[in-house]
Amino acid sequence: MKREIIGEVISDKMERTVIVEVKREHAHPLYHKMVRRRKKLYAHNPENKAKTGDKVKIKECRPLSKLKRWVVTEILKV
């Protein structure tokens, strides 16, 4: 089962690659305060359709390059 997550494109300056920022919130195990975490993931964008600011769904895949492990499956909001 491949993971699918939703994030926002923060850079589309590369050919067929976008950087997607994924934000998540979880409760701290001891203090029970909400903690925000963010991660930048490199995703394959085969037709260069996703642009900066788009909300996209990305899916885990085999390694495509040194850093790319995800592929853009759907553009949710432009």
PDB file of N, CA and C in Angstrom:
ATOM      1  N   MET A   1       0.843  -1.193   0.000  1.00  0.00           N
ATOM      2  CA  MET A   1       0.000   0.000   0.000  1.00  0.00           C
ATOM      3  C   MET A   1       0.880   1.246   0.000  1.00  0.00           C
ATOM      4  N   LYS A   2       0.761   2.051  -1.025  1.00  0.00           N
ATOM      5  CA  LYS A   2       1.539   3.275  -1.140  1.00  0.00           C
ATOM      6  C   LYS A   2       0.832   4.404  -0.397  1.00  0.00           C
ATOM      7  N   ARG A   3       1.604   5.215   0.298  1.00  0.00           N
ATOM      8  CA  ARG A   3       1.033   6.340   1.039  1.00  0.00           C
ATOM      9  C   ARG A   3       0.638   7.451   0.072  1.00  0.00           C
ATOM     10  N   GLU A   4      -0.458   8.119   0.373  1.00  0.00           N
ATOM     11  CA  GLU A   4      -0.898   9.301  -0.373  1.00  0.00           C
ATOM     12  C   GLU A   4      -1.074  10.432   0.621  1.00  0.00           C
ATOM     13  N   ILE A   5      -0.493  11.580   0.325  1.00  0.00           N
ATOM     14  CA  ILE A   5      -0.642  12.732   1.202  1.00  0.00           C
ATOM     15  C   ILE A   5      -0.913  13.979   0.378  1.00  0.00           C
ATOM     16  N   ILE A   6      -1.439  15.006   1.054  1.00  0.00           N
ATOM     17  CA  ILE A   6      -1.803  16.265   0.402  1.00  0.00           C
ATOM     18  C   ILE A   6      -0.873  17.353   0.913  1.00  0.00           C
ATOM     19  N   GLY A   7      -0.391  18.183  -0.014  1.00  0.00           N
ATOM     20  CA  GLY A   7       0.501  19.276   0.354  1.00  0.00           C
ATOM     21  C   GLY A   7       0.397  20.414  -0.633  1.00  0.00           C
ATOM     22  N   GLU A   8       1.213  21.444  -0.399  1.00  0.00           N
ATOM     23  CA  GLU A   8       1.192  22.629  -1.252  1.00  0.00           C
ATOM     24  C   GLU A   8       2.525  22.751  -1.984  1.00  0.00           C
ATOM     25  N   VAL A   9       2.450  23.059  -3.272  1.00  0.00           N
ATOM     26  CA  VAL A   9       3.656  23.236  -4.074  1.00  0.00           C
ATOM     27  C   VAL A   9       4.303  24.565  -3.684  1.00  0.00           C
ATOM     28  N   ILE A  10       5.582  24.506  -3.277  1.00  0.00           N
ATOM     29  CA  ILE A  10       6.280  25.740  -2.910  1.00  0.00           C
ATOM     30  C   ILE A  10       7.338  26.124  -3.933  1.00  0.00           C
ATOM     31  N   SER A  11       7.687  25.196  -4.847  1.00  0.00           N
ATOM     32  CA  SER A  11       8.643  25.526  -5.905  1.00  0.00           C
ATOM     33  C   SER A  11       8.396  24.649  -7.122  1.00  0.00           C
ATOM     34  N   ASP A  12       8.440  25.282  -8.302  1.00  0.00           N
ATOM     35  CA  ASP A  12       8.286  24.532  -9.554  1.00  0.00           C
ATOM     36  C   ASP A  12       9.371  24.944 -10.549  1.00  0.00           C
ATOM     37  N   LYS A  13      10.527  25.329 -10.040  1.00  0.00           N
ATOM     38  CA  LYS A  13      11.591  25.858 -10.889  1.00  0.00           C
ATOM     39  C   LYS A  13      12.366  24.783 -11.652  1.00  0.00           C
ATOM     40  N   MET A  14      12.209  23.510 -11.273  1.00  0.00           N
ATOM     41  CA  MET A  14      12.929  22.424 -11.948  1.00  0.00           C
ATOM     42  C   MET A  14      12.072  21.815 -13.052  1.00  0.00           C
ATOM     43  N   GLU A  15      12.718  21.117 -13.971  1.00  0.00           N
ATOM     44  CA  GLU A  15      12.005  20.418 -15.037  1.00  0.00           C
ATOM     45  C   GLU A  15      11.388  19.136 -14.479  1.00  0.00           C
ATOM     46  N   ARG A  16      10.079  18.994 -14.631  1.00  0.00           N
ATOM     47  CA  ARG A  16       9.334  17.794 -14.232  1.00  0.00           C
ATOM     48  C   ARG A  16       9.506  17.430 -12.761  1.00  0.00           C
ATOM     49  N   THR A  17       9.802  18.406 -11.916  1.00  0.00           N
ATOM     50  CA  THR A  17       9.926  18.184 -10.479  1.00  0.00           C
ATOM     51  C   THR A  17       9.335  19.374  -9.744  1.00  0.00           C
ATOM     52  N   VAL A  18       8.611  19.104  -8.657  1.00  0.00           N
ATOM     53  CA  VAL A  18       8.111  20.164  -7.784  1.00  0.00           C
ATOM     54  C   VAL A  18       8.508  19.832  -6.348  1.00  0.00           C
ATOM     55  N   ILE A  19       8.610  20.873  -5.525  1.00  0.00           N
ATOM     56  CA  ILE A  19       8.835  20.667  -4.103  1.00  0.00           C
ATOM     57  C   ILE A  19       7.503  20.926  -3.414  1.00  0.00           C
ATOM     58  N   VAL A  20       7.052  19.929  -2.659  1.00  0.00           N
ATOM     59  CA  VAL A  20       5.753  19.995  -1.989  1.00  0.00           C
ATOM     60  C   VAL A  20       5.992  20.077  -0.493  1.00  0.00           C
ATOM     61  N   GLU A  21       5.352  21.052   0.151  1.00  0.00           N
ATOM     62  CA  GLU A  21       5.444  21.190   1.596  1.00  0.00           C
ATOM     63  C   GLU A  21       4.223  20.530   2.226  1.00  0.00           C
ATOM     64  N   VAL A  22       4.486  19.579   3.120  1.00  0.00           N
ATOM     65  CA  VAL A  22       3.416  18.859   3.803  1.00  0.00           C
ATOM     66  C   VAL A  22       3.421  19.300   5.260  1.00  0.00           C
ATOM     67  N   LYS A  23       2.287  19.825   5.723  1.00  0.00           N
ATOM     68  CA  LYS A  23       2.166  20.284   7.107  1.00  0.00           C
ATOM     69  C   LYS A  23       1.287  19.313   7.882  1.00  0.00           C
ATOM     70  N   ARG A  24       1.665  19.059   9.140  1.00  0.00           N
ATOM     71  CA  ARG A  24       0.837  18.215   9.987  1.00  0.00           C
ATOM     72  C   ARG A  24       0.894  18.735  11.415  1.00  0.00           C
ATOM     73  N   GLU A  25      -0.130  18.442  12.184  1.00  0.00           N
ATOM     74  CA  GLU A  25      -0.217  18.827  13.588  1.00  0.00           C
ATOM     75  C   GLU A  25      -0.469  17.594  14.424  1.00  0.00           C
ATOM     76  N   HIS A  26       0.220  17.500  15.546  1.00  0.00           N
ATOM     77  CA  HIS A  26      -0.043  16.400  16.471  1.00  0.00           C
ATOM     78  C   HIS A  26       0.176  16.891  17.894  1.00  0.00           C
ATOM     79  N   ALA A  27      -0.400  16.189  18.849  1.00  0.00           N
ATOM     80  CA  ALA A  27      -0.277  16.574  20.248  1.00  0.00           C
ATOM     81  C   ALA A  27       1.055  16.087  20.802  1.00  0.00           C
ATOM     82  N   HIS A  28       1.737  16.934  21.558  1.00  0.00           N
ATOM     83  CA  HIS A  28       2.982  16.556  22.211  1.00  0.00           C
ATOM     84  C   HIS A  28       2.681  15.467  23.246  1.00  0.00           C
ATOM     85  N   PRO A  29       3.488  14.401  23.283  1.00  0.00           N
ATOM     86  CA  PRO A  29       3.162  13.268  24.152  1.00  0.00           C
ATOM     87  C   PRO A  29       3.126  13.611  25.641  1.00  0.00           C
ATOM     88  N   LEU A  30       3.943  14.558  26.082  1.00  0.00           N
ATOM     89  CA  LEU A  30       3.979  14.889  27.509  1.00  0.00           C
ATOM     90  C   LEU A  30       3.138  16.114  27.845  1.00  0.00           C
ATOM     91  N   TYR A  31       3.265  17.165  27.041  1.00  0.00           N
ATOM     92  CA  TYR A  31       2.618  18.436  27.366  1.00  0.00           C
ATOM     93  C   TYR A  31       1.253  18.607  26.715  1.00  0.00           C
ATOM     94  N   HIS A  32       0.881  17.757  25.798  1.00  0.00           N
ATOM     95  CA  HIS A  32      -0.435  17.758  25.145  1.00  0.00           C
ATOM     96  C   HIS A  32      -0.741  19.057  24.406  1.00  0.00           C
ATOM     97  N   LYS A  33       0.307  19.787  24.066  1.00  0.00           N
ATOM     98  CA  LYS A  33       0.132  20.983  23.261  1.00  0.00           C
ATOM     99  C   LYS A  33       0.264  20.580  21.795  1.00  0.00           C
ATOM    100  N   MET A  34      -0.494  21.243  20.922  1.00  0.00           N
ATOM    101  CA  MET A  34      -0.420  20.923  19.502  1.00  0.00           C
ATOM    102  C   MET A  34       0.915  21.417  18.948  1.00  0.00           C
ATOM    103  N   VAL A  35       1.616  20.526  18.254  1.00  0.00           N
ATOM    104  CA  VAL A  35       2.913  20.830  17.666  1.00  0.00           C
ATOM    105  C   VAL A  35       2.768  20.769  16.157  1.00  0.00           C
ATOM    106  N   ARG A  36       3.269  21.810  15.469  1.00  0.00           N
ATOM    107  CA  ARG A  36       3.199  21.843  14.011  1.00  0.00           C
ATOM    108  C   ARG A  36       4.515  21.339  13.441  1.00  0.00           C
ATOM    109  N   ARG A  37       4.414  20.486  12.444  1.00  0.00           N
ATOM    110  CA  ARG A  37       5.589  19.968  11.745  1.00  0.00           C
ATOM    111  C   ARG A  37       5.389  20.185  10.259  1.00  0.00           C
ATOM    112  N   ARG A  38       6.489  20.422   9.548  1.00  0.00           N
ATOM    113  CA  ARG A  38       6.408  20.547   8.096  1.00  0.00           C
ATOM    114  C   ARG A  38       7.566  19.796   7.478  1.00  0.00           C
ATOM    115  N   LYS A  39       7.353  19.312   6.267  1.00  0.00           N
ATOM    116  CA  LYS A  39       8.374  18.550   5.568  1.00  0.00           C
ATOM    117  C   LYS A  39       8.321  18.919   4.096  1.00  0.00           C
ATOM    118  N   LYS A  40       9.496  19.045   3.486  1.00  0.00           N
ATOM    119  CA  LYS A  40       9.569  19.327   2.054  1.00  0.00           C
ATOM    120  C   LYS A  40       9.869  18.023   1.331  1.00  0.00           C
ATOM    121  N   LEU A  41       9.043  17.688   0.361  1.00  0.00           N
ATOM    122  CA  LEU A  41       9.207  16.462  -0.406  1.00  0.00           C
ATOM    123  C   LEU A  41       9.351  16.807  -1.882  1.00  0.00           C
ATOM    124  N   TYR A  42      10.260  16.122  -2.552  1.00  0.00           N
ATOM    125  CA  TYR A  42      10.442  16.303  -3.988  1.00  0.00           C
ATOM    126  C   TYR A  42       9.515  15.326  -4.705  1.00  0.00           C
ATOM    127  N   ALA A  43       8.720  15.840  -5.647  1.00  0.00           N
ATOM    128  CA  ALA A  43       7.747  14.999  -6.338  1.00  0.00           C
ATOM    129  C   ALA A  43       7.895  15.140  -7.849  1.00  0.00           C
ATOM    130  N   HIS A  44       7.692  14.030  -8.543  1.00  0.00           N
ATOM    131  CA  HIS A  44       7.743  14.003 -10.007  1.00  0.00           C
ATOM    132  C   HIS A  44       6.465  14.617 -10.555  1.00  0.00           C
ATOM    133  N   ASN A  45       6.624  15.565 -11.452  1.00  0.00           N
ATOM    134  CA  ASN A  45       5.509  16.301 -12.055  1.00  0.00           C
ATOM    135  C   ASN A  45       5.644  16.129 -13.566  1.00  0.00           C
ATOM    136  N   PRO A  46       5.201  14.978 -14.124  1.00  0.00           N
ATOM    137  CA  PRO A  46       5.557  14.607 -15.498  1.00  0.00           C
ATOM    138  C   PRO A  46       5.198  15.616 -16.583  1.00  0.00           C
ATOM    139  N   GLU A  47       4.061  16.283 -16.481  1.00  0.00           N
ATOM    140  CA  GLU A  47       3.652  17.209 -17.539  1.00  0.00           C
ATOM    141  C   GLU A  47       3.827  18.674 -17.151  1.00  0.00           C
ATOM    142  N   ASN A  48       4.534  18.940 -16.072  1.00  0.00           N
ATOM    143  CA  ASN A  48       4.763  20.309 -15.571  1.00  0.00           C
ATOM    144  C   ASN A  48       3.464  21.083 -15.374  1.00  0.00           C
ATOM    145  N   LYS A  49       2.411  20.410 -14.925  1.00  0.00           N
ATOM    146  CA  LYS A  49       1.118  21.074 -14.746  1.00  0.00           C
ATOM    147  C   LYS A  49       1.000  21.757 -13.385  1.00  0.00           C
ATOM    148  N   ALA A  50       1.589  21.180 -12.345  1.00  0.00           N
ATOM    149  CA  ALA A  50       1.497  21.759 -10.996  1.00  0.00           C
ATOM    150  C   ALA A  50       2.395  22.992 -10.914  1.00  0.00           C
ATOM    151  N   LYS A  51       1.841  24.076 -10.406  1.00  0.00           N
ATOM    152  CA  LYS A  51       2.582  25.333 -10.274  1.00  0.00           C
ATOM    153  C   LYS A  51       2.625  25.747  -8.807  1.00  0.00           C
ATOM    154  N   THR A  52       3.461  26.727  -8.500  1.00  0.00           N
ATOM    155  CA  THR A  52       3.607  27.215  -7.131  1.00  0.00           C
ATOM    156  C   THR A  52       2.254  27.679  -6.586  1.00  0.00           C
ATOM    157  N   GLY A  53       1.931  27.255  -5.373  1.00  0.00           N
ATOM    158  CA  GLY A  53       0.675  27.638  -4.728  1.00  0.00           C
ATOM    159  C   GLY A  53      -0.433  26.615  -4.891  1.00  0.00           C
ATOM    160  N   ASP A  54      -0.273  25.640  -5.774  1.00  0.00           N
ATOM    161  CA  ASP A  54      -1.303  24.619  -5.988  1.00  0.00           C
ATOM    162  C   ASP A  54      -1.329  23.635  -4.830  1.00  0.00           C
ATOM    163  N   LYS A  55      -2.520  23.149  -4.513  1.00  0.00           N
ATOM    164  CA  LYS A  55      -2.698  22.073  -3.546  1.00  0.00           C
ATOM    165  C   LYS A  55      -2.708  20.779  -4.348  1.00  0.00           C
ATOM    166  N   VAL A  56      -1.816  19.828  -4.012  1.00  0.00           N
ATOM    167  CA  VAL A  56      -1.681  18.604  -4.797  1.00  0.00           C
ATOM    168  C   VAL A  56      -1.727  17.371  -3.910  1.00  0.00           C
ATOM    169  N   LYS A  57      -2.108  16.255  -4.533  1.00  0.00           N
ATOM    170  CA  LYS A  57      -2.051  14.955  -3.868  1.00  0.00           C
ATOM    171  C   LYS A  57      -0.855  14.226  -4.458  1.00  0.00           C
ATOM    172  N   ILE A  58       0.037  13.725  -3.579  1.00  0.00           N
ATOM    173  CA  ILE A  58       1.224  13.008  -4.047  1.00  0.00           C
ATOM    174  C   ILE A  58       1.198  11.592  -3.508  1.00  0.00           C
ATOM    175  N   LYS A  59       1.802  10.690  -4.274  1.00  0.00           N
ATOM    176  CA  LYS A  59       1.797   9.272  -3.927  1.00  0.00           C
ATOM    177  C   LYS A  59       3.233   8.764  -3.902  1.00  0.00           C
ATOM    178  N   GLU A  60       3.519   7.902  -2.956  1.00  0.00           N
ATOM    179  CA  GLU A  60       4.841   7.307  -2.812  1.00  0.00           C
ATOM    180  C   GLU A  60       5.138   6.406  -4.007  1.00  0.00           C
ATOM    181  N   CYS A  61       6.396   6.396  -4.453  1.00  0.00           N
ATOM    182  CA  CYS A  61       6.783   5.553  -5.579  1.00  0.00           C
ATOM    183  C   CYS A  61       8.234   5.120  -5.408  1.00  0.00           C
ATOM    184  N   ARG A  62       8.726   4.377  -6.368  1.00  0.00           N
ATOM    185  CA  ARG A  62      10.121   3.942  -6.323  1.00  0.00           C
ATOM    186  C   ARG A  62      11.037   5.155  -6.465  1.00  0.00           C
ATOM    187  N   PRO A  63      12.285   5.070  -6.058  1.00  0.00           N
ATOM    188  CA  PRO A  63      13.194   6.202  -6.203  1.00  0.00           C
ATOM    189  C   PRO A  63      13.395   6.584  -7.680  1.00  0.00           C
ATOM    190  N   LEU A  64      13.130   7.848  -8.006  1.00  0.00           N
ATOM    191  CA  LEU A  64      13.272   8.337  -9.370  1.00  0.00           C
ATOM    192  C   LEU A  64      14.582   9.100  -9.552  1.00  0.00           C
ATOM    193  N   SER A  65      15.138   9.593  -8.468  1.00  0.00           N
ATOM    194  CA  SER A  65      16.439  10.273  -8.490  1.00  0.00           C
ATOM    195  C   SER A  65      16.981  10.244  -7.066  1.00  0.00           C
ATOM    196  N   LYS A  66      18.013  11.037  -6.809  1.00  0.00           N
ATOM    197  CA  LYS A  66      18.625  11.045  -5.481  1.00  0.00           C
ATOM    198  C   LYS A  66      17.623  11.440  -4.396  1.00  0.00           C
ATOM    199  N   LEU A  67      16.757  12.410  -4.674  1.00  0.00           N
ATOM    200  CA  LEU A  67      15.816  12.916  -3.669  1.00  0.00           C
ATOM    201  C   LEU A  67      14.347  12.621  -3.974  1.00  0.00           C
ATOM    202  N   LYS A  68      14.016  12.312  -5.223  1.00  0.00           N
ATOM    203  CA  LYS A  68      12.610  12.147  -5.617  1.00  0.00           C
ATOM    204  C   LYS A  68      12.088  10.762  -5.282  1.00  0.00           C
ATOM    205  N   ARG A  69      11.062  10.704  -4.411  1.00  0.00           N
ATOM    206  CA  ARG A  69      10.422   9.440  -4.024  1.00  0.00           C
ATOM    207  C   ARG A  69       8.900   9.517  -4.129  1.00  0.00           C
ATOM    208  N   TRP A  70       8.386  10.597  -4.690  1.00  0.00           N
ATOM    209  CA  TRP A  70       6.955  10.832  -4.776  1.00  0.00           C
ATOM    210  C   TRP A  70       6.579  11.243  -6.188  1.00  0.00           C
ATOM    211  N   VAL A  71       5.311  11.055  -6.544  1.00  0.00           N
ATOM    212  CA  VAL A  71       4.806  11.479  -7.851  1.00  0.00           C
ATOM    213  C   VAL A  71       3.475  12.204  -7.635  1.00  0.00           C
ATOM    214  N   VAL A  72       3.264  13.293  -8.381  1.00  0.00           N
ATOM    215  CA  VAL A  72       2.013  14.056  -8.290  1.00  0.00           C
ATOM    216  C   VAL A  72       0.930  13.259  -9.005  1.00  0.00           C
ATOM    217  N   THR A  73      -0.145  12.928  -8.276  1.00  0.00           N
ATOM    218  CA  THR A  73      -1.230  12.158  -8.882  1.00  0.00           C
ATOM    219  C   THR A  73      -2.407  13.047  -9.277  1.00  0.00           C
ATOM    220  N   GLU A  74      -2.585  14.155  -8.542  1.00  0.00           N
ATOM    221  CA  GLU A  74      -3.782  14.974  -8.787  1.00  0.00           C
ATOM    222  C   GLU A  74      -3.526  16.394  -8.302  1.00  0.00           C
ATOM    223  N   ILE A  75      -4.029  17.364  -9.056  1.00  0.00           N
ATOM    224  CA  ILE A  75      -3.995  18.769  -8.616  1.00  0.00           C
ATOM    225  C   ILE A  75      -5.371  19.086  -8.067  1.00  0.00           C
ATOM    226  N   LEU A  76      -5.444  19.380  -6.764  1.00  0.00           N
ATOM    227  CA  LEU A  76      -6.735  19.559  -6.107  1.00  0.00           C
ATOM    228  C   LEU A  76      -7.266  20.984  -6.234  1.00  0.00           C
ATOM    229  N   LYS A  77      -6.401  21.969  -6.013  1.00  0.00           N
ATOM    230  CA  LYS A  77      -6.856  23.359  -6.055  1.00  0.00           C
ATOM    231  C   LYS A  77      -5.771  24.219  -6.676  1.00  0.00           C
ATOM    232  N   VAL A  78      -6.159  25.061  -7.625  1.00  0.00           N
ATOM    233  CA  VAL A  78      -5.203  25.930  -8.311  1.00  0.00           C
ATOM    234  C   VAL A  78      -5.158  27.267  -7.615  1.00  0.00           C
TER     235      VAL A  78
END
